[in-house]
Amino acid sequence: MRPSLAYIDANSGSYLIQVIAGVGLAALVAIKVFWRRVWGFVTRKKPQTTVESGPPREE
C-alpha cells in the first residue's frame, strides 16, 4: 500500500467546517419553511359564509 500524500491545512479545514455548517443551516431553514406551508395547509379554516356580503350599507 502506498502512503497517502494528502494534507489538509488549517484554512482548508476551517473552510470545510463552514461549508458543512452553512449547508446544515440552509437545510434547517428549508425544513422550517416547508413545515409551515404544510401546517398552514392542514390547519386552514374554511371560510365562513354569511348572508350578506359586500361593503356595509349606509342607512
C-alpha atoms as a PDB file:
ATOM      1  CA  MET A   1       0.000   0.000   0.000  1.00  0.00           C
ATOM      2  CA  ARG A   2       1.381   3.408  -0.960  1.00  0.00           C
ATOM      3  CA  PRO A   3       1.306   6.177   1.639  1.00  0.00           C
ATOM      4  CA  SER A   4      -1.160   8.975   1.010  1.00  0.00           C
ATOM      5  CA  LEU A   5       0.324  12.408   0.441  1.00  0.00           C
ATOM      6  CA  ALA A   6      -2.920  14.252   1.175  1.00  0.00           C
ATOM      7  CA  TYR A   7      -2.705  17.179   3.559  1.00  0.00           C
ATOM      8  CA  ILE A   8      -5.446  19.461   4.809  1.00  0.00           C
ATOM      9  CA  ASP A   9      -4.095  22.674   6.285  1.00  0.00           C
ATOM     10  CA  ALA A  10      -5.915  24.774   8.871  1.00  0.00           C
ATOM     11  CA  ASN A  11      -7.526  27.061   6.284  1.00  0.00           C
ATOM     12  CA  SER A  12      -8.953  24.181   4.282  1.00  0.00           C
ATOM     13  CA  GLY A  13     -10.289  22.515   7.410  1.00  0.00           C
ATOM     14  CA  SER A  14     -11.910  25.744   8.572  1.00  0.00           C
ATOM     15  CA  TYR A  15     -13.485  26.255   5.150  1.00  0.00           C
ATOM     16  CA  LEU A  16     -14.827  22.702   5.174  1.00  0.00           C
ATOM     17  CA  ILE A  17     -16.401  23.255   8.588  1.00  0.00           C
ATOM     18  CA  GLN A  18     -18.014  26.496   7.358  1.00  0.00           C
ATOM     19  CA  VAL A  19     -19.434  24.743   4.294  1.00  0.00           C
ATOM     20  CA  ILE A  20     -20.874  21.927   6.404  1.00  0.00           C
ATOM     21  CA  ALA A  21     -22.387  24.429   8.875  1.00  0.00           C
ATOM     22  CA  GLY A  22     -23.856  26.517   6.036  1.00  0.00           C
ATOM     23  CA  VAL A  23     -25.428  23.517   4.349  1.00  0.00           C
ATOM     24  CA  GLY A  24     -26.847  22.358   7.689  1.00  0.00           C
ATOM     25  CA  LEU A  25     -28.378  25.741   8.486  1.00  0.00           C
ATOM     26  CA  ALA A  26     -29.801  26.092   4.978  1.00  0.00           C
ATOM     27  CA  ALA A  27     -31.396  22.655   5.324  1.00  0.00           C
ATOM     28  CA  LEU A  28     -32.941  23.631   8.673  1.00  0.00           C
ATOM     29  CA  VAL A  29     -34.412  26.834   7.219  1.00  0.00           C
ATOM     30  CA  ALA A  30     -35.782  24.941   4.215  1.00  0.00           C
ATOM     31  CA  ILE A  31     -37.400  22.361   6.511  1.00  0.00           C
ATOM     32  CA  LYS A  32     -38.891  25.151   8.650  1.00  0.00           C
ATOM     33  CA  VAL A  33     -40.414  26.916   5.626  1.00  0.00           C
ATOM     34  CA  PHE A  34     -41.736  23.649   4.207  1.00  0.00           C
ATOM     35  CA  TRP A  35     -43.193  22.627   7.584  1.00  0.00           C
ATOM     36  CA  ARG A  36     -45.003  25.976   7.943  1.00  0.00           C
ATOM     37  CA  ARG A  37     -46.543  25.539   4.491  1.00  0.00           C
ATOM     38  CA  VAL A  38     -47.684  22.007   5.324  1.00  0.00           C
ATOM     39  CA  TRP A  39     -49.003  23.021   8.757  1.00  0.00           C
ATOM     40  CA  GLY A  40     -50.800  26.032   7.276  1.00  0.00           C
ATOM     41  CA  PHE A  41     -52.447  23.819   4.682  1.00  0.00           C
ATOM     42  CA  VAL A  42     -53.529  21.260   7.294  1.00  0.00           C
ATOM     43  CA  THR A  43     -54.928  23.793   9.758  1.00  0.00           C
ATOM     44  CA  ARG A  44     -56.560  26.114   7.220  1.00  0.00           C
ATOM     45  CA  LYS A  45     -60.060  27.060   8.277  1.00  0.00           C
ATOM     46  CA  LYS A  46     -62.902  27.017   5.811  1.00  0.00           C
ATOM     47  CA  PRO A  47     -64.232  30.481   5.021  1.00  0.00           C
ATOM     48  CA  GLN A  48     -67.433  31.295   6.860  1.00  0.00           C
ATOM     49  CA  THR A  49     -70.404  32.027   4.664  1.00  0.00           C
ATOM     50  CA  THR A  50     -72.537  34.985   5.599  1.00  0.00           C
ATOM     51  CA  VAL A  51     -75.978  36.012   4.441  1.00  0.00           C
ATOM     52  CA  GLU A  52     -74.821  39.490   3.462  1.00  0.00           C
ATOM     53  CA  SER A  53     -71.651  40.020   1.562  1.00  0.00           C
ATOM     54  CA  GLY A  54     -70.054  43.191   0.356  1.00  0.00           C
ATOM     55  CA  PRO A  55     -69.493  46.585   1.945  1.00  0.00           C
ATOM     56  CA  PRO A  56     -71.829  47.711   4.721  1.00  0.00           C
ATOM     57  CA  ARG A  57     -74.853  49.702   3.612  1.00  0.00           C
ATOM     58  CA  GLU A  58     -75.481  53.219   4.825  1.00  0.00           C
ATOM     59  CA  GLU A  59     -78.995  53.869   6.055  1.00  0.00           C
END
